[in-house]
PDB file of N, CA and C in Angstrom:
ATOM      1  N   MET A   1     124.258 168.007 108.515  1.00  0.00           N
ATOM      2  CA  MET A   1     125.447 167.264 108.847  1.00  0.00           C
ATOM      3  C   MET A   1     126.645 168.190 108.642  1.00  0.00           C
ATOM      4  N   ILE A   2     127.542 168.203 109.620  1.00  0.00           N
ATOM      5  CA  ILE A   2     128.732 169.060 109.550  1.00  0.00           C
ATOM      6  C   ILE A   2     129.985 168.208 109.675  1.00  0.00           C
ATOM      7  N   ILE A   3     130.938 168.485 108.792  1.00  0.00           N
ATOM      8  CA  ILE A   3     132.262 167.869 108.872  1.00  0.00           C
ATOM      9  C   ILE A   3     133.236 169.019 109.109  1.00  0.00           C
ATOM     10  N   ASP A   4     133.872 169.021 110.266  1.00  0.00           N
ATOM     11  CA  ASP A   4     134.758 170.124 110.652  1.00  0.00           C
ATOM     12  C   ASP A   4     136.218 169.699 110.590  1.00  0.00           C
ATOM     13  N   ASP A   5     137.086 170.665 110.709  1.00  0.00           N
ATOM     14  CA  ASP A   5     138.540 170.458 110.738  1.00  0.00           C
ATOM     15  C   ASP A   5     139.073 169.794 109.477  1.00  0.00           C
ATOM     16  N   ILE A   6     138.571 170.221 108.331  1.00  0.00           N
ATOM     17  CA  ILE A   6     139.123 169.759 107.059  1.00  0.00           C
ATOM     18  C   ILE A   6     140.368 170.600 106.801  1.00  0.00           C
ATOM     19  N   PRO A   7     141.537 169.968 106.654  1.00  0.00           N
ATOM     20  CA  PRO A   7     142.775 170.741 106.513  1.00  0.00           C
ATOM     21  C   PRO A   7     142.830 171.506 105.204  1.00  0.00           C
ATOM     22  N   LEU A   8     143.494 172.667 105.251  1.00  0.00           N
ATOM     23  CA  LEU A   8     143.716 173.467 104.054  1.00  0.00           C
ATOM     24  C   LEU A   8     145.109 173.234 103.483  1.00  0.00           C
ATOM     25  N   ARG A   9     145.902 172.424 104.179  1.00  0.00           N
ATOM     26  CA  ARG A   9     147.243 172.066 103.695  1.00  0.00           C
ATOM     27  C   ARG A   9     147.458 170.576 103.940  1.00  0.00           C
ATOM     28  N   LEU A  10     148.099 169.926 102.968  1.00  0.00           N
ATOM     29  CA  LEU A  10     148.408 168.505 103.067  1.00  0.00           C
ATOM     30  C   LEU A  10     149.860 168.282 102.693  1.00  0.00           C
ATOM     31  N   TYR A  11     150.367 167.108 103.032  1.00  0.00           N
ATOM     32  CA  TYR A  11     151.765 166.797 102.744  1.00  0.00           C
ATOM     33  C   TYR A  11     151.949 166.439 101.273  1.00  0.00           C
ATOM     34  N   ALA A  12     152.790 167.221 100.591  1.00  0.00           N
ATOM     35  CA  ALA A  12     153.150 166.934  99.208  1.00  0.00           C
ATOM     36  C   ALA A  12     154.336 165.974  99.180  1.00  0.00           C
ATOM     37  N   THR A  13     155.214 166.112 100.166  1.00  0.00           N
ATOM     38  CA  THR A  13     156.333 165.191 100.362  1.00  0.00           C
ATOM     39  C   THR A  13     156.322 164.789 101.824  1.00  0.00           C
ATOM     40  N   LYS A  14     157.317 164.026 102.220  1.00  0.00           N
ATOM     41  CA  LYS A  14     157.334 163.478 103.573  1.00  0.00           C
ATOM     42  C   LYS A  14     157.171 164.550 104.658  1.00  0.00           C
ATOM     43  N   ASN A  15     157.807 165.676 104.490  1.00  0.00           N
ATOM     44  CA  ASN A  15     157.714 166.705 105.533  1.00  0.00           C
ATOM     45  C   ASN A  15     157.482 168.106 104.960  1.00  0.00           C
ATOM     46  N   LYS A  16     156.786 168.198 103.838  1.00  0.00           N
ATOM     47  CA  LYS A  16     156.507 169.496 103.239  1.00  0.00           C
ATOM     48  C   LYS A  16     155.016 169.670 102.988  1.00  0.00           C
ATOM     49  N   LEU A  17     154.401 170.534 103.792  1.00  0.00           N
ATOM     50  CA  LEU A  17     152.977 170.841 103.636  1.00  0.00           C
ATOM     51  C   LEU A  17     152.774 171.820 102.490  1.00  0.00           C
ATOM     52  N   LYS A  18     151.749 171.559 101.688  1.00  0.00           N
ATOM     53  CA  LYS A  18     151.423 172.458 100.584  1.00  0.00           C
ATOM     54  C   LYS A  18     149.951 172.848 100.684  1.00  0.00           C
ATOM     55  N   PRO A  19     149.620 174.067 100.254  1.00  0.00           N
ATOM     56  CA  PRO A  19     148.240 174.544 100.375  1.00  0.00           C
ATOM     57  C   PRO A  19     147.318 173.903  99.346  1.00  0.00           C
ATOM     58  N   LEU A  20     146.073 173.722  99.745  1.00  0.00           N
ATOM     59  CA  LEU A  20     145.052 173.294  98.793  1.00  0.00           C
ATOM     60  C   LEU A  20     144.475 174.559  98.173  1.00  0.00           C
ATOM     61  N   ASN A  21     145.054 174.968  97.064  1.00  0.00           N
ATOM     62  CA  ASN A  21     144.517 176.091  96.318  1.00  0.00           C
ATOM     63  C   ASN A  21     144.774 175.865  94.835  1.00  0.00           C
ATOM     64  N   LEU A  22     144.099 176.623  94.020  1.00  0.00           N
ATOM     65  CA  LEU A  22     144.156 176.430  92.583  1.00  0.00           C
ATOM     66  C   LEU A  22     145.551 176.678  92.016  1.00  0.00           C
ATOM     67  N   ASN A  23     146.292 177.624  92.582  1.00  0.00           N
ATOM     68  CA  ASN A  23     147.632 177.918  92.097  1.00  0.00           C
ATOM     69  C   ASN A  23     148.546 176.704  92.231  1.00  0.00           C
ATOM     70  N   PHE A  24     148.496 176.037  93.375  1.00  0.00           N
ATOM     71  CA  PHE A  24     149.326 174.847  93.565  1.00  0.00           C
ATOM     72  C   PHE A  24     148.773 173.678  92.760  1.00  0.00           C
ATOM     73  N   TYR A  25     147.472 173.487  92.786  1.00  0.00           N
ATOM     74  CA  TYR A  25     146.824 172.337  92.152  1.00  0.00           C
ATOM     75  C   TYR A  25     147.125 172.246  90.651  1.00  0.00           C
ATOM     76  N   ARG A  26     147.052 173.372  89.956  1.00  0.00           N
ATOM     77  CA  ARG A  26     147.247 173.332  88.507  1.00  0.00           C
ATOM     78  C   ARG A  26     148.700 173.113  88.102  1.00  0.00           C
ATOM     79  N   ASN A  27     149.638 173.346  89.017  1.00  0.00           N
ATOM     80  CA  ASN A  27     151.054 173.192  88.684  1.00  0.00           C
ATOM     81  C   ASN A  27     151.714 171.962  89.290  1.00  0.00           C
ATOM     82  N   CYS A  28     151.025 171.234  90.147  1.00  0.00           N
ATOM     83  CA  CYS A  28     151.681 170.115  90.814  1.00  0.00           C
ATOM     84  C   CYS A  28     151.669 168.865  89.925  1.00  0.00           C
ATOM     85  N   HIS A  29     152.607 168.011  90.160  1.00  0.00           N
ATOM     86  CA  HIS A  29     152.737 166.750  89.437  1.00  0.00           C
ATOM     87  C   HIS A  29     151.563 165.845  89.815  1.00  0.00           C
ATOM     88  N   PHE A  30     151.096 165.033  88.876  1.00  0.00           N
ATOM     89  CA  PHE A  30     149.929 164.192  89.140  1.00  0.00           C
ATOM     90  C   PHE A  30     150.161 163.224  90.291  1.00  0.00           C
ATOM     91  N   GLN A  31     151.403 162.783  90.502  1.00  0.00           N
ATOM     92  CA  GLN A  31     151.673 161.869  91.610  1.00  0.00           C
ATOM     93  C   GLN A  31     151.535 162.586  92.958  1.00  0.00           C
ATOM     94  N   VAL A  32     151.944 163.845  93.012  1.00  0.00           N
ATOM     95  CA  VAL A  32     151.777 164.650  94.234  1.00  0.00           C
ATOM     96  C   VAL A  32     150.295 164.878  94.477  1.00  0.00           C
ATOM     97  N   ASN A  33     149.575 165.200  93.418  1.00  0.00           N
ATOM     98  CA  ASN A  33     148.135 165.402  93.509  1.00  0.00           C
ATOM     99  C   ASN A  33     147.458 164.147  94.061  1.00  0.00           C
ATOM    100  N   ASN A  34     147.801 162.985  93.530  1.00  0.00           N
ATOM    101  CA  ASN A  34     147.212 161.728  93.991  1.00  0.00           C
ATOM    102  C   ASN A  34     147.550 161.441  95.451  1.00  0.00           C
ATOM    103  N   LYS A  35     148.785 161.756  95.846  1.00  0.00           N
ATOM    104  CA  LYS A  35     149.194 161.535  97.236  1.00  0.00           C
ATOM    105  C   LYS A  35     148.370 162.409  98.179  1.00  0.00           C
ATOM    106  N   MET A  36     148.156 163.652  97.786  1.00  0.00           N
ATOM    107  CA  MET A  36     147.387 164.573  98.620  1.00  0.00           C
ATOM    108  C   MET A  36     145.906 164.163  98.668  1.00  0.00           C
ATOM    109  N   LYS A  37     145.363 163.707  97.543  1.00  0.00           N
ATOM    110  CA  LYS A  37     143.978 163.235  97.533  1.00  0.00           C
ATOM    111  C   LYS A  37     143.817 162.008  98.428  1.00  0.00           C
ATOM    112  N   HIS A  38     144.803 161.134  98.429  1.00  0.00           N
ATOM    113  CA  HIS A  38     144.749 159.944  99.281  1.00  0.00           C
ATOM    114  C   HIS A  38     144.729 160.345 100.764  1.00  0.00           C
ATOM    115  N   GLN A  39     145.533 161.353 101.130  1.00  0.00           N
ATOM    116  CA  GLN A  39     145.530 161.844 102.513  1.00  0.00           C
ATOM    117  C   GLN A  39     144.144 162.363 102.896  1.00  0.00           C
ATOM    118  N   MET A  40     143.530 163.122 101.986  1.00  0.00           N
ATOM    119  CA  MET A  40     142.199 163.668 102.267  1.00  0.00           C
ATOM    120  C   MET A  40     141.193 162.533 102.392  1.00  0.00           C
ATOM    121  N   HIS A  41     141.308 161.531 101.548  1.00  0.00           N
ATOM    122  CA  HIS A  41     140.416 160.370 101.625  1.00  0.00           C
ATOM    123  C   HIS A  41     140.526 159.705 102.987  1.00  0.00           C
ATOM    124  N   CYS A  42     141.746 159.510 103.483  1.00  0.00           N
ATOM    125  CA  CYS A  42     141.953 158.888 104.800  1.00  0.00           C
ATOM    126  C   CYS A  42     141.356 159.742 105.918  1.00  0.00           C
ATOM    127  N   ILE A  43     141.542 161.053 105.835  1.00  0.00           N
ATOM    128  CA  ILE A  43     141.003 161.975 106.838  1.00  0.00           C
ATOM    129  C   ILE A  43     139.479 161.911 106.847  1.00  0.00           C
ATOM    130  N   LEU A  44     138.872 161.955 105.671  1.00  0.00           N
ATOM    131  CA  LEU A  44     137.411 161.961 105.584  1.00  0.00           C
ATOM    132  C   LEU A  44     136.801 160.619 105.960  1.00  0.00           C
ATOM    133  N   THR A  45     137.481 159.532 105.627  1.00  0.00           N
ATOM    134  CA  THR A  45     136.982 158.215 106.019  1.00  0.00           C
ATOM    135  C   THR A  45     136.869 158.130 107.533  1.00  0.00           C
ATOM    136  N   GLU A  46     137.866 158.664 108.229  1.00  0.00           N
ATOM    137  CA  GLU A  46     137.845 158.656 109.698  1.00  0.00           C
ATOM    138  C   GLU A  46     136.753 159.575 110.241  1.00  0.00           C
ATOM    139  N   LYS A  47     136.623 160.775 109.674  1.00  0.00           N
ATOM    140  CA  LYS A  47     135.626 161.733 110.154  1.00  0.00           C
ATOM    141  C   LYS A  47     134.187 161.267 109.888  1.00  0.00           C
ATOM    142  N   CYS A  48     133.991 160.503 108.823  1.00  0.00           N
ATOM    143  CA  CYS A  48     132.639 160.075 108.428  1.00  0.00           C
ATOM    144  C   CYS A  48     132.234 158.735 109.021  1.00  0.00           C
ATOM    145  N   ARG A  49     133.115 158.127 109.762  1.00  0.00           N
ATOM    146  CA  ARG A  49     132.797 156.826 110.355  1.00  0.00           C
ATOM    147  C   ARG A  49     131.535 156.941 111.217  1.00  0.00           C
ATOM    148  N   GLY A  50     130.557 156.126 110.928  1.00  0.00           N
ATOM    149  CA  GLY A  50     129.310 156.121 111.692  1.00  0.00           C
ATOM    150  C   GLY A  50     128.251 157.087 111.200  1.00  0.00           C
ATOM    151  N   MET A  51     128.584 157.948 110.240  1.00  0.00           N
ATOM    152  CA  MET A  51     127.591 158.882 109.695  1.00  0.00           C
ATOM    153  C   MET A  51     126.716 158.160 108.683  1.00  0.00           C
ATOM    154  N   LYS A  52     125.463 158.562 108.627  1.00  0.00           N
ATOM    155  CA  LYS A  52     124.537 158.003 107.644  1.00  0.00           C
ATOM    156  C   LYS A  52     124.513 158.900 106.412  1.00  0.00           C
ATOM    157  N   ALA A  53     124.314 158.291 105.274  1.00  0.00           N
ATOM    158  CA  ALA A  53     124.237 159.045 104.021  1.00  0.00           C
ATOM    159  C   ALA A  53     123.045 159.997 104.067  1.00  0.00           C
ATOM    160  N   PRO A  54     123.260 161.257 103.703  1.00  0.00           N
ATOM    161  CA  PRO A  54     122.158 162.233 103.719  1.00  0.00           C
ATOM    162  C   PRO A  54     121.223 162.008 102.521  1.00  0.00           C
ATOM    163  N   PRO A  55     119.970 162.475 102.634  1.00  0.00           N
ATOM    164  CA  PRO A  55     119.038 162.345 101.510  1.00  0.00           C
ATOM    165  C   PRO A  55     119.461 163.238 100.340  1.00  0.00           C
ATOM    166  N   LEU A  56     119.304 162.725  99.141  1.00  0.00           N
ATOM    167  CA  LEU A  56     119.722 163.444  97.937  1.00  0.00           C
ATOM    168  C   LEU A  56     118.575 164.295  97.413  1.00  0.00           C
ATOM    169  N   PRO A  57     118.871 165.347  96.651  1.00  0.00           N
ATOM    170  CA  PRO A  57     120.145 165.929  96.296  1.00  0.00           C
ATOM    171  C   PRO A  57     120.713 166.777  97.438  1.00  0.00           C
ATOM    172  N   LEU A  58     121.978 167.173  97.282  1.00  0.00           N
ATOM    173  CA  LEU A  58     122.688 167.838  98.376  1.00  0.00           C
ATOM    174  C   LEU A  58     123.108 169.258  98.035  1.00  0.00           C
ATOM    175  N   GLU A  59     123.335 170.005  99.101  1.00  0.00           N
ATOM    176  CA  GLU A  59     123.899 171.354  99.022  1.00  0.00           C
ATOM    177  C   GLU A  59     125.113 171.381  99.934  1.00  0.00           C
ATOM    178  N   PHE A  60     126.277 171.783  99.416  1.00  0.00           N
ATOM    179  CA  PHE A  60     127.512 171.884 100.204  1.00  0.00           C
ATOM    180  C   PHE A  60     127.804 173.350 100.480  1.00  0.00           C
ATOM    181  N   THR A  61     128.061 173.672 101.739  1.00  0.00           N
ATOM    182  CA  THR A  61     128.498 175.014 102.107  1.00  0.00           C
ATOM    183  C   THR A  61     129.806 174.886 102.878  1.00  0.00           C
ATOM    184  N   TYR A  62     130.867 175.446 102.310  1.00  0.00           N
ATOM    185  CA  TYR A  62     132.185 175.421 102.944  1.00  0.00           C
ATOM    186  C   TYR A  62     132.436 176.753 103.638  1.00  0.00           C
ATOM    187  N   THR A  63     132.838 176.702 104.898  1.00  0.00           N
ATOM    188  CA  THR A  63     133.291 177.891 105.610  1.00  0.00           C
ATOM    189  C   THR A  63     134.804 177.760 105.727  1.00  0.00           C
ATOM    190  N   ILE A  64     135.523 178.735 105.166  1.00  0.00           N
ATOM    191  CA  ILE A  64     136.983 178.699 105.111  1.00  0.00           C
ATOM    192  C   ILE A  64     137.551 179.608 106.197  1.00  0.00           C
ATOM    193  N   PHE A  65     138.309 179.024 107.121  1.00  0.00           N
ATOM    194  CA  PHE A  65     138.992 179.777 108.179  1.00  0.00           C
ATOM    195  C   PHE A  65     140.454 179.915 107.763  1.00  0.00           C
ATOM    196  N   ARG A  66     140.844 181.148 107.447  1.00  0.00           N
ATOM    197  CA  ARG A  66     142.180 181.422 106.907  1.00  0.00           C
ATOM    198  C   ARG A  66     143.235 181.528 108.006  1.00  0.00           C
ATOM    199  N   ARG A  67     144.482 181.409 107.589  1.00  0.00           N
ATOM    200  CA  ARG A  67     145.615 181.439 108.512  1.00  0.00           C
ATOM    201  C   ARG A  67     146.060 182.868 108.836  1.00  0.00           C
ATOM    202  N   ASP A  68     145.862 183.784 107.906  1.00  0.00           N
ATOM    203  CA  ASP A  68     146.335 185.156 108.112  1.00  0.00           C
ATOM    204  C   ASP A  68     145.422 186.150 107.397  1.00  0.00           C
ATOM    205  N   LYS A  69     145.814 187.430 107.444  1.00  0.00           N
ATOM    206  CA  LYS A  69     144.970 188.508 106.929  1.00  0.00           C
ATOM    207  C   LYS A  69     145.151 188.776 105.434  1.00  0.00           C
ATOM    208  N   ARG A  70     145.923 187.969 104.747  1.00  0.00           N
ATOM    209  CA  ARG A  70     146.132 188.207 103.315  1.00  0.00           C
ATOM    210  C   ARG A  70     144.812 188.190 102.565  1.00  0.00           C
ATOM    211  N   LYS A  71     144.739 189.031 101.548  1.00  0.00           N
ATOM    212  CA  LYS A  71     143.568 188.996 100.679  1.00  0.00           C
ATOM    213  C   LYS A  71     143.638 187.711  99.869  1.00  0.00           C
ATOM    214  N   VAL A  72     142.551 186.993  99.839  1.00  0.00           N
ATOM    215  CA  VAL A  72     142.517 185.742  99.082  1.00  0.00           C
ATOM    216  C   VAL A  72     141.271 185.693  98.212  1.00  0.00           C
ATOM    217  N   ASP A  73     141.366 184.931  97.151  1.00  0.00           N
ATOM    218  CA  ASP A  73     140.222 184.614  96.318  1.00  0.00           C
ATOM    219  C   ASP A  73     139.619 183.355  96.921  1.00  0.00           C
ATOM    220  N   LEU A  74     138.465 183.484  97.535  1.00  0.00           N
ATOM    221  CA  LEU A  74     137.861 182.374  98.274  1.00  0.00           C
ATOM    222  C   LEU A  74     137.613 181.162  97.376  1.00  0.00           C
ATOM    223  N   SER A  75     137.237 181.385  96.134  1.00  0.00           N
ATOM    224  CA  SER A  75     136.994 180.253  95.238  1.00  0.00           C
ATOM    225  C   SER A  75     138.295 179.573  94.825  1.00  0.00           C
ATOM    226  N   ASN A  76     139.429 180.277  94.917  1.00  0.00           N
ATOM    227  CA  ASN A  76     140.731 179.681  94.647  1.00  0.00           C
ATOM    228  C   ASN A  76     141.013 178.559  95.645  1.00  0.00           C
ATOM    229  N   ILE A  77     140.666 178.778  96.884  1.00  0.00           N
ATOM    230  CA  ILE A  77     140.843 177.760  97.928  1.00  0.00           C
ATOM    231  C   ILE A  77     139.676 176.779  97.899  1.00  0.00           C
ATOM    232  N   GLY A  78     138.460 177.302  97.897  1.00  0.00           N
ATOM    233  CA  GLY A  78     137.264 176.476  98.013  1.00  0.00           C
ATOM    234  C   GLY A  78     137.098 175.465  96.905  1.00  0.00           C
ATOM    235  N   SER A  79     137.448 175.834  95.679  1.00  0.00           N
ATOM    236  CA  SER A  79     137.253 174.913  94.564  1.00  0.00           C
ATOM    237  C   SER A  79     138.113 173.659  94.700  1.00  0.00           C
ATOM    238  N   VAL A  80     139.343 173.822  95.132  1.00  0.00           N
ATOM    239  CA  VAL A  80     140.232 172.662  95.283  1.00  0.00           C
ATOM    240  C   VAL A  80     139.856 171.862  96.525  1.00  0.00           C
ATOM    241  N   VAL A  81     139.519 172.545  97.605  1.00  0.00           N
ATOM    242  CA  VAL A  81     139.062 171.840  98.805  1.00  0.00           C
ATOM    243  C   VAL A  81     137.821 171.025  98.454  1.00  0.00           C
ATOM    244  N   ASP A  82     136.896 171.621  97.712  1.00  0.00           N
ATOM    245  CA  ASP A  82     135.684 170.906  97.312  1.00  0.00           C
ATOM    246  C   ASP A  82     136.014 169.692  96.447  1.00  0.00           C
ATOM    247  N   LYS A  83     136.921 169.842  95.514  1.00  0.00           N
ATOM    248  CA  LYS A  83     137.306 168.718  94.646  1.00  0.00           C
ATOM    249  C   LYS A  83     137.841 167.563  95.483  1.00  0.00           C
ATOM    250  N   PHE A  84     138.762 167.844  96.387  1.00  0.00           N
ATOM    251  CA  PHE A  84     139.359 166.804  97.223  1.00  0.00           C
ATOM    252  C   PHE A  84     138.318 166.184  98.163  1.00  0.00           C
ATOM    253  N   VAL A  85     137.483 167.036  98.768  1.00  0.00           N
ATOM    254  CA  VAL A  85     136.505 166.549  99.742  1.00  0.00           C
ATOM    255  C   VAL A  85     135.408 165.738  99.060  1.00  0.00           C
ATOM    256  N   ALA A  86     134.869 166.226  97.953  1.00  0.00           N
ATOM    257  CA  ALA A  86     133.803 165.496  97.262  1.00  0.00           C
ATOM    258  C   ALA A  86     134.299 164.122  96.808  1.00  0.00           C
ATOM    259  N   ASP A  87     135.500 164.075  96.236  1.00  0.00           N
ATOM    260  CA  ASP A  87     136.073 162.784  95.839  1.00  0.00           C
ATOM    261  C   ASP A  87     136.274 161.885  97.055  1.00  0.00           C
ATOM    262  N   GLY A  88     136.718 162.476  98.164  1.00  0.00           N
ATOM    263  CA  GLY A  88     136.938 161.709  99.392  1.00  0.00           C
ATOM    264  C   GLY A  88     135.650 161.171  99.986  1.00  0.00           C
ATOM    265  N   LEU A  89     134.571 161.957  99.901  1.00  0.00           N
ATOM    266  CA  LEU A  89     133.280 161.499 100.428  1.00  0.00           C
ATOM    267  C   LEU A  89     132.711 160.353  99.597  1.00  0.00           C
ATOM    268  N   VAL A  90     132.973 160.375  98.298  1.00  0.00           N
ATOM    269  CA  VAL A  90     132.553 159.258  97.442  1.00  0.00           C
ATOM    270  C   VAL A  90     133.331 158.007  97.823  1.00  0.00           C
ATOM    271  N   LEU A  91     134.647 158.140  97.949  1.00  0.00           N
ATOM    272  CA  LEU A  91     135.479 156.990  98.308  1.00  0.00           C
ATOM    273  C   LEU A  91     135.172 156.472  99.713  1.00  0.00           C
ATOM    274  N   ALA A  92     134.772 157.379 100.610  1.00  0.00           N
ATOM    275  CA  ALA A  92     134.422 156.972 101.972  1.00  0.00           C
ATOM    276  C   ALA A  92     133.033 156.335 102.036  1.00  0.00           C
ATOM    277  N   GLY A  93     132.280 156.434 100.940  1.00  0.00           N
ATOM    278  CA  GLY A  93     130.959 155.808 100.880  1.00  0.00           C
ATOM    279  C   GLY A  93     129.825 156.640 101.457  1.00  0.00           C
ATOM    280  N   LEU A  94     130.072 157.915 101.748  1.00  0.00           N
ATOM    281  CA  LEU A  94     129.016 158.757 102.324  1.00  0.00           C
ATOM    282  C   LEU A  94     128.043 159.260 101.254  1.00  0.00           C
ATOM    283  N   ILE A  95     128.580 159.535 100.058  1.00  0.00           N
ATOM    284  CA  ILE A  95     127.718 159.943  98.944  1.00  0.00           C
ATOM    285  C   ILE A  95     127.984 159.016  97.761  1.00  0.00           C
ATOM    286  N   PRO A  96     126.971 158.791  96.906  1.00  0.00           N
ATOM    287  CA  PRO A  96     127.148 157.835  95.807  1.00  0.00           C
ATOM    288  C   PRO A  96     128.034 158.349  94.674  1.00  0.00           C
ATOM    289  N   ASP A  97     128.046 159.655  94.454  1.00  0.00           N
ATOM    290  CA  ASP A  97     128.831 160.254  93.377  1.00  0.00           C
ATOM    291  C   ASP A  97     128.940 161.741  93.670  1.00  0.00           C
ATOM    292  N   ASP A  98     129.775 162.441  92.898  1.00  0.00           N
ATOM    293  CA  ASP A  98     129.888 163.885  93.114  1.00  0.00           C
ATOM    294  C   ASP A  98     129.454 164.666  91.873  1.00  0.00           C
ATOM    295  N   ASN A  99     128.516 164.100  91.122  1.00  0.00           N
ATOM    296  CA  ASN A  99     128.028 164.784  89.927  1.00  0.00           C
ATOM    297  C   ASN A  99     126.877 165.728  90.278  1.00  0.00           C
ATOM    298  N   VAL A 100     126.333 166.390  89.251  1.00  0.00           N
ATOM    299  CA  VAL A 100     125.299 167.411  89.480  1.00  0.00           C
ATOM    300  C   VAL A 100     123.953 166.836  89.901  1.00  0.00           C
ATOM    301  N   ARG A 101     123.756 165.569  89.732  1.00  0.00           N
ATOM    302  CA  ARG A 101     122.512 164.960  90.212  1.00  0.00           C
ATOM    303  C   ARG A 101     122.547 164.765  91.724  1.00  0.00           C
ATOM    304  N   VAL A 102     123.737 164.642  92.266  1.00  0.00           N
ATOM    305  CA  VAL A 102     123.901 164.430  93.707  1.00  0.00           C
ATOM    306  C   VAL A 102     124.149 165.754  94.420  1.00  0.00           C
ATOM    307  N   ILE A 103     125.107 166.542  93.935  1.00  0.00           N
ATOM    308  CA  ILE A 103     125.453 167.830  94.551  1.00  0.00           C
ATOM    309  C   ILE A 103     124.935 168.942  93.644  1.00  0.00           C
ATOM    310  N   LYS A 104     123.868 169.591  94.072  1.00  0.00           N
ATOM    311  CA  LYS A 104     123.211 170.616  93.259  1.00  0.00           C
ATOM    312  C   LYS A 104     123.788 172.017  93.470  1.00  0.00           C
ATOM    313  N   LYS A 105     124.358 172.250  94.660  1.00  0.00           N
ATOM    314  CA  LYS A 105     124.824 173.611  94.968  1.00  0.00           C
ATOM    315  C   LYS A 105     126.055 173.528  95.850  1.00  0.00           C
ATOM    316  N   VAL A 106     127.057 174.358  95.526  1.00  0.00           N
ATOM    317  CA  VAL A 106     128.271 174.469  96.340  1.00  0.00           C
ATOM    318  C   VAL A 106     128.521 175.955  96.567  1.00  0.00           C
ATOM    319  N   SER A 107     128.750 176.331  97.833  1.00  0.00           N
ATOM    320  CA  SER A 107     129.048 177.730  98.135  1.00  0.00           C
ATOM    321  C   SER A 107     130.183 177.816  99.149  1.00  0.00           C
ATOM    322  N   TYR A 108     130.845 178.975  99.164  1.00  0.00           N
ATOM    323  CA  TYR A 108     131.979 179.216 100.054  1.00  0.00           C
ATOM    324  C   TYR A 108     131.711 180.465 100.876  1.00  0.00           C
ATOM    325  N   ILE A 109     132.043 180.386 102.164  1.00  0.00           N
ATOM    326  CA  ILE A 109     131.878 181.505 103.083  1.00  0.00           C
ATOM    327  C   ILE A 109     133.222 181.754 103.763  1.00  0.00           C
ATOM    328  N   ASP A 110     133.567 183.028 103.933  1.00  0.00           N
ATOM    329  CA  ASP A 110     134.784 183.373 104.668  1.00  0.00           C
ATOM    330  C   ASP A 110     134.487 183.296 106.161  1.00  0.00           C
ATOM    331  N   GLY A 111     135.209 182.428 106.859  1.00  0.00           N
ATOM    332  CA  GLY A 111     135.019 182.257 108.298  1.00  0.00           C
ATOM    333  C   GLY A 111     135.922 183.136 109.125  1.00  0.00           C
ATOM    334  N   GLY A 112     136.751 183.948 108.465  1.00  0.00           N
ATOM    335  CA  GLY A 112     137.667 184.812 109.187  1.00  0.00           C
ATOM    336  C   GLY A 112     139.018 184.144 109.391  1.00  0.00           C
ATOM    337  N   ILE A 113     139.718 184.618 110.405  1.00  0.00           N
ATOM    338  CA  ILE A 113     141.088 184.175 110.654  1.00  0.00           C
ATOM    339  C   ILE A 113     141.152 183.287 111.882  1.00  0.00           C
ATOM    340  N   ASP A 114     141.847 182.183 111.752  1.00  0.00           N
ATOM    341  CA  ASP A 114     142.146 181.295 112.875  1.00  0.00           C
ATOM    342  C   ASP A 114     143.596 180.854 112.707  1.00  0.00           C
ATOM    343  N   ARG A 115     144.500 181.606 113.329  1.00  0.00           N
ATOM    344  CA  ARG A 115     145.936 181.335 113.176  1.00  0.00           C
ATOM    345  C   ARG A 115     146.333 179.961 113.699  1.00  0.00           C
ATOM    346  N   GLU A 116     145.646 179.514 114.738  1.00  0.00           N
ATOM    347  CA  GLU A 116     145.978 178.234 115.364  1.00  0.00           C
ATOM    348  C   GLU A 116     145.489 177.029 114.555  1.00  0.00           C
ATOM    349  N   ASN A 117     144.349 177.178 113.882  1.00  0.00           N
ATOM    350  CA  ASN A 117     143.750 176.033 113.201  1.00  0.00           C
ATOM    351  C   ASN A 117     143.069 176.464 111.896  1.00  0.00           C
ATOM    352  N   PRO A 118     143.857 176.848 110.864  1.00  0.00           N
ATOM    353  CA  PRO A 118     143.227 177.166 109.584  1.00  0.00           C
ATOM    354  C   PRO A 118     142.590 175.897 109.019  1.00  0.00           C
ATOM    355  N   ARG A 119     141.345 176.014 108.565  1.00  0.00           N
ATOM    356  CA  ARG A 119     140.616 174.811 108.186  1.00  0.00           C
ATOM    357  C   ARG A 119     139.395 175.181 107.360  1.00  0.00           C
ATOM    358  N   ALA A 120     138.717 174.144 106.915  1.00  0.00           N
ATOM    359  CA  ALA A 120     137.414 174.319 106.274  1.00  0.00           C
ATOM    360  C   ALA A 120     136.391 173.515 107.066  1.00  0.00           C
ATOM    361  N   ARG A 121     135.190 174.027 107.099  1.00  0.00           N
ATOM    362  CA  ARG A 121     134.066 173.312 107.719  1.00  0.00           C
ATOM    363  C   ARG A 121     133.033 173.116 106.604  1.00  0.00           C
ATOM    364  N   LEU A 122     132.583 171.891 106.460  1.00  0.00           N
ATOM    365  CA  LEU A 122     131.591 171.577 105.436  1.00  0.00           C
ATOM    366  C   LEU A 122     130.248 171.300 106.078  1.00  0.00           C
ATOM    367  N   GLU A 123     129.243 172.024 105.635  1.00  0.00           N
ATOM    368  CA  GLU A 123     127.871 171.733 106.051  1.00  0.00           C
ATOM    369  C   GLU A 123     127.155 171.109 104.855  1.00  0.00           C
ATOM    370  N   ILE A 124     126.633 169.918 105.069  1.00  0.00           N
ATOM    371  CA  ILE A 124     125.915 169.193 104.021  1.00  0.00           C
ATOM    372  C   ILE A 124     124.433 169.222 104.379  1.00  0.00           C
ATOM    373  N   LYS A 125     123.627 169.771 103.462  1.00  0.00           N
ATOM    374  CA  LYS A 125     122.175 169.851 103.676  1.00  0.00           C
ATOM    375  C   LYS A 125     121.460 169.277 102.468  1.00  0.00           C
ATOM    376  N   HIS A 126     120.217 168.895 102.711  1.00  0.00           N
ATOM    377  CA  HIS A 126     119.364 168.482 101.610  1.00  0.00           C
ATOM    378  C   HIS A 126     119.040 169.719 100.771  1.00  0.00           C
ATOM    379  N   TYR A 127     119.186 169.620  99.457  1.00  0.00           N
ATOM    380  CA  TYR A 127     118.899 170.742  98.574  1.00  0.00           C
ATOM    381  C   TYR A 127     117.418 170.743  98.234  1.00  0.00           C
ATOM    382  N   ASN A 128     116.735 171.791  98.611  1.00  0.00           N
ATOM    383  CA  ASN A 128     115.304 171.926  98.299  1.00  0.00           C
ATOM    384  C   ASN A 128     115.139 172.653  96.983  1.00  0.00           C
ATOM    385  N   ILE A 129     114.560 171.992  96.051  1.00  0.00           N
ATOM    386  CA  ILE A 129     114.406 172.568  94.707  1.00  0.00           C
ATOM    387  C   ILE A 129     113.267 173.553  94.680  1.00  0.00           C
TER     388      ILE A 129
END
């Protein structure tokens, strides 16, 4: 199962987009954080409409398509995107929880540069032990 076009930036205020990365996440006000998580929940609820819950346990693989050529720490972006997405998938009802019994493995891959549409793509697979 693939969920594509997961945004890497969300609105922190009415007209100010902020990046989903660890630097912003650890310094933002909890109300801004909650507002951004709610946006991700709404996005994922729409994207997951009609999808069936995958068999447990799961493996998440995020492919991150960056906006420019800057050197980035992939886990700096991926960890926050994963936090928002996993919480959103629980709220959307696609997965029962986001603990280690449900999600056994999370990995991040650099998808290169896409100036027009920086995004994350999530591939959800059954984790074979």
